[in-house]
Structures are given as C-alpha cells and as structure tokens.
Amino acid sequence: MGLEELKDFVVEVVLTNKEKARDPTGESIQRDLLAKKGYSMISNVRSGQYLKISLEAENSKKAEEIITDMCNELRIFNPVTQDLHILNVTEHS
C-alpha cells in the first residue's frame, strides 16, 4: 500500500444544543431582542458554535473523521447536551 500525499482541508463544524437542552442564549435573543423589536413572528431561536478548522489529510472523508474524533476525544462539545454537525469539508489549494 503506497502512501497518499497529504492535502490541505478546511472543515466547518457547527455545535448546537440538543432540542431538549435549554438554550439561554437563544431564549434571550428571542425574548429580549426579537419580540421587543417587532419580530414576534419568530417562534424559536437556537444558538450554537461555529468552528473552522484547517488540517492536512489524505482525503475529505479522512479529514471529516479526524475532526469528529478530535471533537469527541478532546470533549470540545458535550454529547449529552449538544450535537456536532459537519457543515462542509473543502480542499484548500
């Protein structure tokens, strides 16, 4: 098996609170900003975190796998209260 050349990738990750978990930031935005400023038609706001991570990997699938493993292993998010979503994996040249 030959060694594959490493390529540069950018992986975009979004961490969101699970539907059953409280979201004080989202609740504050909805209650204190939207409703008071005439946007009462908005019924729900959920907040989250966005991460943009650059790395080297053999291919996009491996880049996604590395980032998912890293987020789980390093406890970058709490899997009990948050969901991890890989938004995009882009090869950067």
PDB file of N, CA and C in Angstrom:
ATOM      1  N   MET A   1       0.850  -1.177   0.000  1.00  0.00           N
ATOM      2  CA  MET A   1       0.000   0.000   0.000  1.00  0.00           C
ATOM      3  C   MET A   1       0.892   1.235   0.000  1.00  0.00           C
ATOM      4  N   GLY A   2       0.718   2.124  -0.958  1.00  0.00           N
ATOM      5  CA  GLY A   2       1.523   3.335  -1.065  1.00  0.00           C
ATOM      6  C   GLY A   2       1.006   4.426  -0.154  1.00  0.00           C
ATOM      7  N   LEU A   3       1.881   5.342   0.162  1.00  0.00           N
ATOM      8  CA  LEU A   3       1.494   6.471   0.984  1.00  0.00           C
ATOM      9  C   LEU A   3       0.816   7.528   0.120  1.00  0.00           C
ATOM     10  N   GLU A   4      -0.339   7.994   0.581  1.00  0.00           N
ATOM     11  CA  GLU A   4      -1.037   9.054  -0.134  1.00  0.00           C
ATOM     12  C   GLU A   4      -0.454  10.407   0.261  1.00  0.00           C
ATOM     13  N   GLU A   5      -0.428  11.315  -0.683  1.00  0.00           N
ATOM     14  CA  GLU A   5       0.026  12.674  -0.403  1.00  0.00           C
ATOM     15  C   GLU A   5      -1.022  13.386   0.444  1.00  0.00           C
ATOM     16  N   LEU A   6      -0.566  14.113   1.451  1.00  0.00           N
ATOM     17  CA  LEU A   6      -1.487  14.868   2.285  1.00  0.00           C
ATOM     18  C   LEU A   6      -1.921  16.138   1.567  1.00  0.00           C
ATOM     19  N   LYS A   7      -3.185  16.475   1.738  1.00  0.00           N
ATOM     20  CA  LYS A   7      -3.754  17.680   1.137  1.00  0.00           C
ATOM     21  C   LYS A   7      -4.257  18.574   2.260  1.00  0.00           C
ATOM     22  N   ASP A   8      -4.398  19.852   1.964  1.00  0.00           N
ATOM     23  CA  ASP A   8      -4.928  20.807   2.937  1.00  0.00           C
ATOM     24  C   ASP A   8      -6.446  20.856   2.826  1.00  0.00           C
ATOM     25  N   PHE A   9      -7.112  20.761   3.977  1.00  0.00           N
ATOM     26  CA  PHE A   9      -8.571  20.830   4.031  1.00  0.00           C
ATOM     27  C   PHE A   9      -9.005  21.852   5.065  1.00  0.00           C
ATOM     28  N   VAL A  10     -10.186  22.397   4.862  1.00  0.00           N
ATOM     29  CA  VAL A  10     -10.849  23.226   5.857  1.00  0.00           C
ATOM     30  C   VAL A  10     -12.162  22.518   6.174  1.00  0.00           C
ATOM     31  N   VAL A  11     -12.380  22.260   7.465  1.00  0.00           N
ATOM     32  CA  VAL A  11     -13.598  21.596   7.915  1.00  0.00           C
ATOM     33  C   VAL A  11     -14.395  22.594   8.745  1.00  0.00           C
ATOM     34  N   GLU A  12     -15.656  22.798   8.359  1.00  0.00           N
ATOM     35  CA  GLU A  12     -16.544  23.691   9.095  1.00  0.00           C
ATOM     36  C   GLU A  12     -17.475  22.842   9.951  1.00  0.00           C
ATOM     37  N   VAL A  13     -17.496  23.154  11.243  1.00  0.00           N
ATOM     38  CA  VAL A  13     -18.250  22.388  12.232  1.00  0.00           C
ATOM     39  C   VAL A  13     -19.225  23.321  12.936  1.00  0.00           C
ATOM     40  N   VAL A  14     -20.438  22.843  13.167  1.00  0.00           N
ATOM     41  CA  VAL A  14     -21.408  23.583  13.965  1.00  0.00           C
ATOM     42  C   VAL A  14     -21.802  22.706  15.145  1.00  0.00           C
ATOM     43  N   LEU A  15     -21.733  23.295  16.333  1.00  0.00           N
ATOM     44  CA  LEU A  15     -22.171  22.629  17.557  1.00  0.00           C
ATOM     45  C   LEU A  15     -23.461  23.309  17.994  1.00  0.00           C
ATOM     46  N   THR A  16     -24.525  22.531  18.133  1.00  0.00           N
ATOM     47  CA  THR A  16     -25.814  23.095  18.537  1.00  0.00           C
ATOM     48  C   THR A  16     -26.315  22.388  19.783  1.00  0.00           C
ATOM     49  N   ASN A  17     -27.095  23.115  20.566  1.00  0.00           N
ATOM     50  CA  ASN A  17     -27.732  22.497  21.723  1.00  0.00           C
ATOM     51  C   ASN A  17     -28.823  21.559  21.229  1.00  0.00           C
ATOM     52  N   LYS A  18     -28.930  20.405  21.859  1.00  0.00           N
ATOM     53  CA  LYS A  18     -29.990  19.470  21.501  1.00  0.00           C
ATOM     54  C   LYS A  18     -31.343  20.105  21.795  1.00  0.00           C
ATOM     55  N   GLU A  19     -32.363  19.668  21.078  1.00  0.00           N
ATOM     56  CA  GLU A  19     -33.702  20.251  21.193  1.00  0.00           C
ATOM     57  C   GLU A  19     -34.212  20.239  22.635  1.00  0.00           C
ATOM     58  N   LYS A  20     -33.906  19.195  23.387  1.00  0.00           N
ATOM     59  CA  LYS A  20     -34.405  19.081  24.765  1.00  0.00           C
ATOM     60  C   LYS A  20     -33.570  19.901  25.745  1.00  0.00           C
ATOM     61  N   ALA A  21     -32.378  20.331  25.339  1.00  0.00           N
ATOM     62  CA  ALA A  21     -31.496  21.097  26.227  1.00  0.00           C
ATOM     63  C   ALA A  21     -31.897  22.570  26.233  1.00  0.00           C
ATOM     64  N   ARG A  22     -31.781  23.199  27.391  1.00  0.00           N
ATOM     65  CA  ARG A  22     -32.039  24.638  27.475  1.00  0.00           C
ATOM     66  C   ARG A  22     -31.012  25.385  26.640  1.00  0.00           C
ATOM     67  N   ASP A  23     -31.432  26.502  26.104  1.00  0.00           N
ATOM     68  CA  ASP A  23     -30.558  27.352  25.304  1.00  0.00           C
ATOM     69  C   ASP A  23     -30.749  28.793  25.770  1.00  0.00           C
ATOM     70  N   PRO A  24     -30.094  29.168  26.881  1.00  0.00           N
ATOM     71  CA  PRO A  24     -30.294  30.511  27.425  1.00  0.00           C
ATOM     72  C   PRO A  24     -29.959  31.628  26.439  1.00  0.00           C
ATOM     73  N   THR A  25     -28.942  31.447  25.618  1.00  0.00           N
ATOM     74  CA  THR A  25     -28.580  32.476  24.640  1.00  0.00           C
ATOM     75  C   THR A  25     -29.697  32.649  23.618  1.00  0.00           C
ATOM     76  N   GLY A  26     -30.173  31.532  23.058  1.00  0.00           N
ATOM     77  CA  GLY A  26     -31.273  31.593  22.089  1.00  0.00           C
ATOM     78  C   GLY A  26     -32.536  32.177  22.699  1.00  0.00           C
ATOM     79  N   GLU A  27     -32.827  31.789  23.950  1.00  0.00           N
ATOM     80  CA  GLU A  27     -34.015  32.308  24.632  1.00  0.00           C
ATOM     81  C   GLU A  27     -33.908  33.819  24.828  1.00  0.00           C
ATOM     82  N   SER A  28     -32.725  34.297  25.218  1.00  0.00           N
ATOM     83  CA  SER A  28     -32.521  35.739  25.422  1.00  0.00           C
ATOM     84  C   SER A  28     -32.671  36.513  24.119  1.00  0.00           C
ATOM     85  N   ILE A  29     -32.105  35.971  23.042  1.00  0.00           N
ATOM     86  CA  ILE A  29     -32.232  36.646  21.744  1.00  0.00           C
ATOM     87  C   ILE A  29     -33.697  36.770  21.362  1.00  0.00           C
ATOM     88  N   GLN A  30     -34.426  35.684  21.515  1.00  0.00           N
ATOM     89  CA  GLN A  30     -35.839  35.713  21.134  1.00  0.00           C
ATOM     90  C   GLN A  30     -36.642  36.641  22.037  1.00  0.00           C
ATOM     91  N   ARG A  31     -36.474  36.506  23.330  1.00  0.00           N
ATOM     92  CA  ARG A  31     -37.276  37.268  24.288  1.00  0.00           C
ATOM     93  C   ARG A  31     -36.888  38.748  24.328  1.00  0.00           C
ATOM     94  N   ASP A  32     -35.603  39.025  24.430  1.00  0.00           N
ATOM     95  CA  ASP A  32     -35.154  40.394  24.682  1.00  0.00           C
ATOM     96  C   ASP A  32     -34.922  41.223  23.426  1.00  0.00           C
ATOM     97  N   LEU A  33     -34.624  40.584  22.318  1.00  0.00           N
ATOM     98  CA  LEU A  33     -34.347  41.352  21.107  1.00  0.00           C
ATOM     99  C   LEU A  33     -35.473  41.266  20.094  1.00  0.00           C
ATOM    100  N   LEU A  34     -35.797  40.055  19.669  1.00  0.00           N
ATOM    101  CA  LEU A  34     -36.744  39.898  18.568  1.00  0.00           C
ATOM    102  C   LEU A  34     -38.154  40.354  18.935  1.00  0.00           C
ATOM    103  N   ALA A  35     -38.681  39.854  20.046  1.00  0.00           N
ATOM    104  CA  ALA A  35     -40.054  40.173  20.421  1.00  0.00           C
ATOM    105  C   ALA A  35     -40.213  41.664  20.703  1.00  0.00           C
ATOM    106  N   LYS A  36     -39.204  42.270  21.335  1.00  0.00           N
ATOM    107  CA  LYS A  36     -39.297  43.695  21.686  1.00  0.00           C
ATOM    108  C   LYS A  36     -39.070  44.613  20.489  1.00  0.00           C
ATOM    109  N   LYS A  37     -38.531  44.091  19.408  1.00  0.00           N
ATOM    110  CA  LYS A  37     -38.232  44.924  18.236  1.00  0.00           C
ATOM    111  C   LYS A  37     -39.134  44.613  17.048  1.00  0.00           C
ATOM    112  N   GLY A  38     -40.273  43.969  17.322  1.00  0.00           N
ATOM    113  CA  GLY A  38     -41.257  43.767  16.275  1.00  0.00           C
ATOM    114  C   GLY A  38     -41.112  42.491  15.458  1.00  0.00           C
ATOM    115  N   TYR A  39     -40.340  41.548  15.932  1.00  0.00           N
ATOM    116  CA  TYR A  39     -40.169  40.279  15.210  1.00  0.00           C
ATOM    117  C   TYR A  39     -40.865  39.140  15.946  1.00  0.00           C
ATOM    118  N   SER A  40     -42.066  39.395  16.423  1.00  0.00           N
ATOM    119  CA  SER A  40     -42.802  38.395  17.201  1.00  0.00           C
ATOM    120  C   SER A  40     -43.226  37.193  16.359  1.00  0.00           C
ATOM    121  N   MET A  41     -43.088  37.296  15.029  1.00  0.00           N
ATOM    122  CA  MET A  41     -43.437  36.166  14.172  1.00  0.00           C
ATOM    123  C   MET A  41     -42.403  35.034  14.264  1.00  0.00           C
ATOM    124  N   ILE A  42     -41.232  35.317  14.852  1.00  0.00           N
ATOM    125  CA  ILE A  42     -40.200  34.284  15.014  1.00  0.00           C
ATOM    126  C   ILE A  42     -40.520  33.487  16.262  1.00  0.00           C
ATOM    127  N   SER A  43     -40.706  32.180  16.095  1.00  0.00           N
ATOM    128  CA  SER A  43     -41.187  31.353  17.200  1.00  0.00           C
ATOM    129  C   SER A  43     -40.088  30.624  17.963  1.00  0.00           C
ATOM    130  N   ASN A  44     -38.874  30.547  17.413  1.00  0.00           N
ATOM    131  CA  ASN A  44     -37.827  29.816  18.116  1.00  0.00           C
ATOM    132  C   ASN A  44     -36.453  30.273  17.616  1.00  0.00           C
ATOM    133  N   VAL A  45     -35.518  30.421  18.544  1.00  0.00           N
ATOM    134  CA  VAL A  45     -34.137  30.743  18.217  1.00  0.00           C
ATOM    135  C   VAL A  45     -33.252  29.779  18.989  1.00  0.00           C
ATOM    136  N   ARG A  46     -32.353  29.113  18.270  1.00  0.00           N
ATOM    137  CA  ARG A  46     -31.378  28.218  18.909  1.00  0.00           C
ATOM    138  C   ARG A  46     -29.990  28.746  18.573  1.00  0.00           C
ATOM    139  N   SER A  47     -29.137  28.796  19.564  1.00  0.00           N
ATOM    140  CA  SER A  47     -27.776  29.278  19.336  1.00  0.00           C
ATOM    141  C   SER A  47     -26.829  28.088  19.215  1.00  0.00           C
ATOM    142  N   GLY A  48     -25.614  28.370  18.785  1.00  0.00           N
ATOM    143  CA  GLY A  48     -24.616  27.313  18.648  1.00  0.00           C
ATOM    144  C   GLY A  48     -23.235  27.910  18.517  1.00  0.00           C
ATOM    145  N   GLN A  49     -22.286  27.057  18.196  1.00  0.00           N
ATOM    146  CA  GLN A  49     -20.912  27.476  17.983  1.00  0.00           C
ATOM    147  C   GLN A  49     -20.476  27.037  16.597  1.00  0.00           C
ATOM    148  N   TYR A  50     -19.666  27.861  15.966  1.00  0.00           N
ATOM    149  CA  TYR A  50     -19.132  27.562  14.644  1.00  0.00           C
ATOM    150  C   TYR A  50     -17.623  27.445  14.767  1.00  0.00           C
ATOM    151  N   LEU A  51     -17.067  26.368  14.241  1.00  0.00           N
ATOM    152  CA  LEU A  51     -15.625  26.160  14.232  1.00  0.00           C
ATOM    153  C   LEU A  51     -15.170  25.970  12.795  1.00  0.00           C
ATOM    154  N   LYS A  52     -14.075  26.606  12.434  1.00  0.00           N
ATOM    155  CA  LYS A  52     -13.472  26.438  11.112  1.00  0.00           C
ATOM    156  C   LYS A  52     -12.047  25.950  11.363  1.00  0.00           C
ATOM    157  N   ILE A  53     -11.777  24.714  10.966  1.00  0.00           N
ATOM    158  CA  ILE A  53     -10.525  24.052  11.332  1.00  0.00           C
ATOM    159  C   ILE A  53      -9.759  23.662  10.076  1.00  0.00           C
ATOM    160  N   SER A  54      -8.496  24.057  10.018  1.00  0.00           N
ATOM    161  CA  SER A  54      -7.622  23.688   8.896  1.00  0.00           C
ATOM    162  C   SER A  54      -6.764  22.499   9.317  1.00  0.00           C
ATOM    163  N   LEU A  55      -6.579  21.558   8.398  1.00  0.00           N
ATOM    164  CA  LEU A  55      -5.763  20.385   8.696  1.00  0.00           C
ATOM    165  C   LEU A  55      -5.268  19.739   7.414  1.00  0.00           C
ATOM    166  N   GLU A  56      -4.335  18.822   7.580  1.00  0.00           N
ATOM    167  CA  GLU A  56      -3.841  18.019   6.466  1.00  0.00           C
ATOM    168  C   GLU A  56      -4.398  16.611   6.611  1.00  0.00           C
ATOM    169  N   ALA A  57      -4.848  16.038   5.501  1.00  0.00           N
ATOM    170  CA  ALA A  57      -5.375  14.673   5.499  1.00  0.00           C
ATOM    171  C   ALA A  57      -5.246  14.093   4.095  1.00  0.00           C
ATOM    172  N   GLU A  58      -5.437  12.775   3.998  1.00  0.00           N
ATOM    173  CA  GLU A  58      -5.323  12.104   2.707  1.00  0.00           C
ATOM    174  C   GLU A  58      -6.467  12.473   1.763  1.00  0.00           C
ATOM    175  N   ASN A  59      -7.678  12.626   2.343  1.00  0.00           N
ATOM    176  CA  ASN A  59      -8.853  12.935   1.540  1.00  0.00           C
ATOM    177  C   ASN A  59      -9.913  13.576   2.433  1.00  0.00           C
ATOM    178  N   SER A  60     -11.019  14.014   1.841  1.00  0.00           N
ATOM    179  CA  SER A  60     -12.045  14.726   2.606  1.00  0.00           C
ATOM    180  C   SER A  60     -12.716  13.838   3.648  1.00  0.00           C
ATOM    181  N   LYS A  61     -12.911  12.579   3.329  1.00  0.00           N
ATOM    182  CA  LYS A  61     -13.525  11.658   4.300  1.00  0.00           C
ATOM    183  C   LYS A  61     -12.643  11.506   5.528  1.00  0.00           C
ATOM    184  N   LYS A  62     -11.338  11.381   5.314  1.00  0.00           N
ATOM    185  CA  LYS A  62     -10.393  11.247   6.422  1.00  0.00           C
ATOM    186  C   LYS A  62     -10.347  12.544   7.233  1.00  0.00           C
ATOM    187  N   ALA A  63     -10.408  13.702   6.571  1.00  0.00           N
ATOM    188  CA  ALA A  63     -10.417  14.984   7.271  1.00  0.00           C
ATOM    189  C   ALA A  63     -11.633  15.079   8.196  1.00  0.00           C
ATOM    190  N   GLU A  64     -12.790  14.696   7.687  1.00  0.00           N
ATOM    191  CA  GLU A  64     -14.013  14.707   8.499  1.00  0.00           C
ATOM    192  C   GLU A  64     -13.889  13.760   9.685  1.00  0.00           C
ATOM    193  N   GLU A  65     -13.337  12.580   9.442  1.00  0.00           N
ATOM    194  CA  GLU A  65     -13.154  11.582  10.504  1.00  0.00           C
ATOM    195  C   GLU A  65     -12.211  12.106  11.593  1.00  0.00           C
ATOM    196  N   ILE A  66     -11.106  12.729  11.195  1.00  0.00           N
ATOM    197  CA  ILE A  66     -10.141  13.270  12.154  1.00  0.00           C
ATOM    198  C   ILE A  66     -10.802  14.328  13.038  1.00  0.00           C
ATOM    199  N   ILE A  67     -11.556  15.233  12.424  1.00  0.00           N
ATOM    200  CA  ILE A  67     -12.197  16.311  13.181  1.00  0.00           C
ATOM    201  C   ILE A  67     -13.268  15.764  14.118  1.00  0.00           C
ATOM    202  N   THR A  68     -14.065  14.826  13.654  1.00  0.00           N
ATOM    203  CA  THR A  68     -15.095  14.226  14.510  1.00  0.00           C
ATOM    204  C   THR A  68     -14.449  13.530  15.700  1.00  0.00           C
ATOM    205  N   ASP A  69     -13.408  12.738  15.443  1.00  0.00           N
ATOM    206  CA  ASP A  69     -12.698  12.057  16.537  1.00  0.00           C
ATOM    207  C   ASP A  69     -12.098  13.059  17.511  1.00  0.00           C
ATOM    208  N   MET A  70     -11.475  14.120  16.980  1.00  0.00           N
ATOM    209  CA  MET A  70     -10.861  15.141  17.820  1.00  0.00           C
ATOM    210  C   MET A  70     -11.898  15.802  18.727  1.00  0.00           C
ATOM    211  N   CYS A  71     -13.028  16.190  18.157  1.00  0.00           N
ATOM    212  CA  CYS A  71     -14.070  16.853  18.941  1.00  0.00           C
ATOM    213  C   CYS A  71     -14.585  15.952  20.057  1.00  0.00           C
ATOM    214  N   ASN A  72     -14.724  14.662  19.767  1.00  0.00           N
ATOM    215  CA  ASN A  72     -15.174  13.712  20.787  1.00  0.00           C
ATOM    216  C   ASN A  72     -14.102  13.446  21.831  1.00  0.00           C
ATOM    217  N   GLU A  73     -12.890  13.171  21.387  1.00  0.00           N
ATOM    218  CA  GLU A  73     -11.800  12.814  22.291  1.00  0.00           C
ATOM    219  C   GLU A  73     -11.421  13.959  23.222  1.00  0.00           C
ATOM    220  N   LEU A  74     -11.373  15.184  22.687  1.00  0.00           N
ATOM    221  CA  LEU A  74     -10.956  16.337  23.483  1.00  0.00           C
ATOM    222  C   LEU A  74     -12.123  17.019  24.197  1.00  0.00           C
ATOM    223  N   ARG A  75     -13.317  16.454  24.049  1.00  0.00           N
ATOM    224  CA  ARG A  75     -14.527  16.998  24.684  1.00  0.00           C
ATOM    225  C   ARG A  75     -14.743  18.464  24.304  1.00  0.00           C
ATOM    226  N   ILE A  76     -14.556  18.767  23.018  1.00  0.00           N
ATOM    227  CA  ILE A  76     -14.782  20.114  22.525  1.00  0.00           C
ATOM    228  C   ILE A  76     -16.269  20.452  22.605  1.00  0.00           C
ATOM    229  N   PHE A  77     -17.086  19.424  22.660  1.00  0.00           N
ATOM    230  CA  PHE A  77     -18.517  19.627  22.847  1.00  0.00           C
ATOM    231  C   PHE A  77     -19.013  18.575  23.829  1.00  0.00           C
ATOM    232  N   ASN A  78     -20.196  18.811  24.382  1.00  0.00           N
ATOM    233  CA  ASN A  78     -20.796  17.876  25.328  1.00  0.00           C
ATOM    234  C   ASN A  78     -21.850  17.061  24.587  1.00  0.00           C
ATOM    235  N   PRO A  79     -21.564  15.783  24.306  1.00  0.00           N
ATOM    236  CA  PRO A  79     -22.513  14.974  23.524  1.00  0.00           C
ATOM    237  C   PRO A  79     -23.853  14.722  24.224  1.00  0.00           C
ATOM    238  N   VAL A  80     -23.918  14.990  25.521  1.00  0.00           N
ATOM    239  CA  VAL A  80     -25.183  14.828  26.243  1.00  0.00           C
ATOM    240  C   VAL A  80     -26.133  15.971  25.907  1.00  0.00           C
ATOM    241  N   THR A  81     -25.585  17.178  25.760  1.00  0.00           N
ATOM    242  CA  THR A  81     -26.444  18.347  25.549  1.00  0.00           C
ATOM    243  C   THR A  81     -26.291  18.988  24.176  1.00  0.00           C
ATOM    244  N   GLN A  82     -25.254  18.587  23.409  1.00  0.00           N
ATOM    245  CA  GLN A  82     -25.000  19.214  22.113  1.00  0.00           C
ATOM    246  C   GLN A  82     -24.897  18.179  21.000  1.00  0.00           C
ATOM    247  N   ASP A  83     -25.189  18.635  19.793  1.00  0.00           N
ATOM    248  CA  ASP A  83     -24.996  17.838  18.590  1.00  0.00           C
ATOM    249  C   ASP A  83     -23.861  18.446  17.781  1.00  0.00           C
ATOM    250  N   LEU A  84     -23.078  17.593  17.144  1.00  0.00           N
ATOM    251  CA  LEU A  84     -21.994  18.021  16.270  1.00  0.00           C
ATOM    252  C   LEU A  84     -22.429  17.794  14.832  1.00  0.00           C
ATOM    253  N   HIS A  85     -22.321  18.827  14.012  1.00  0.00           N
ATOM    254  CA  HIS A  85     -22.667  18.731  12.598  1.00  0.00           C
ATOM    255  C   HIS A  85     -21.477  19.196  11.775  1.00  0.00           C
ATOM    256  N   ILE A  86     -21.025  18.362  10.852  1.00  0.00           N
ATOM    257  CA  ILE A  86     -20.004  18.778   9.905  1.00  0.00           C
ATOM    258  C   ILE A  86     -20.738  19.494   8.770  1.00  0.00           C
ATOM    259  N   LEU A  87     -20.508  20.790   8.661  1.00  0.00           N
ATOM    260  CA  LEU A  87     -21.188  21.588   7.635  1.00  0.00           C
ATOM    261  C   LEU A  87     -20.579  21.400   6.266  1.00  0.00           C
ATOM    262  N   ASN A  88     -19.242  21.421   6.228  1.00  0.00           N
ATOM    263  CA  ASN A  88     -18.566  21.446   4.957  1.00  0.00           C
ATOM    264  C   ASN A  88     -17.125  20.975   5.128  1.00  0.00           C
ATOM    265  N   VAL A  89     -16.631  20.249   4.150  1.00  0.00           N
ATOM    266  CA  VAL A  89     -15.217  19.869   4.082  1.00  0.00           C
ATOM    267  C   VAL A  89     -14.726  20.334   2.719  1.00  0.00           C
ATOM    268  N   THR A  90     -13.757  21.243   2.713  1.00  0.00           N
ATOM    269  CA  THR A  90     -13.290  21.823   1.475  1.00  0.00           C
ATOM    270  C   THR A  90     -11.782  21.629   1.337  1.00  0.00           C
ATOM    271  N   GLU A  91     -11.368  21.157   0.169  1.00  0.00           N
ATOM    272  CA  GLU A  91      -9.946  21.057  -0.085  1.00  0.00           C
ATOM    273  C   GLU A  91      -9.422  22.455  -0.385  1.00  0.00           C
ATOM    274  N   HIS A  92      -8.374  22.827   0.303  1.00  0.00           N
ATOM    275  CA  HIS A  92      -7.806  24.167   0.165  1.00  0.00           C
ATOM    276  C   HIS A  92      -6.494  24.048  -0.594  1.00  0.00           C
ATOM    277  N   SER A  93      -6.413  24.743  -1.725  1.00  0.00           N
ATOM    278  CA  SER A  93      -5.171  24.631  -2.508  1.00  0.00           C
ATOM    279  C   SER A  93      -4.335  25.867  -2.417  1.00  0.00           C
TER     280      SER A  93
END
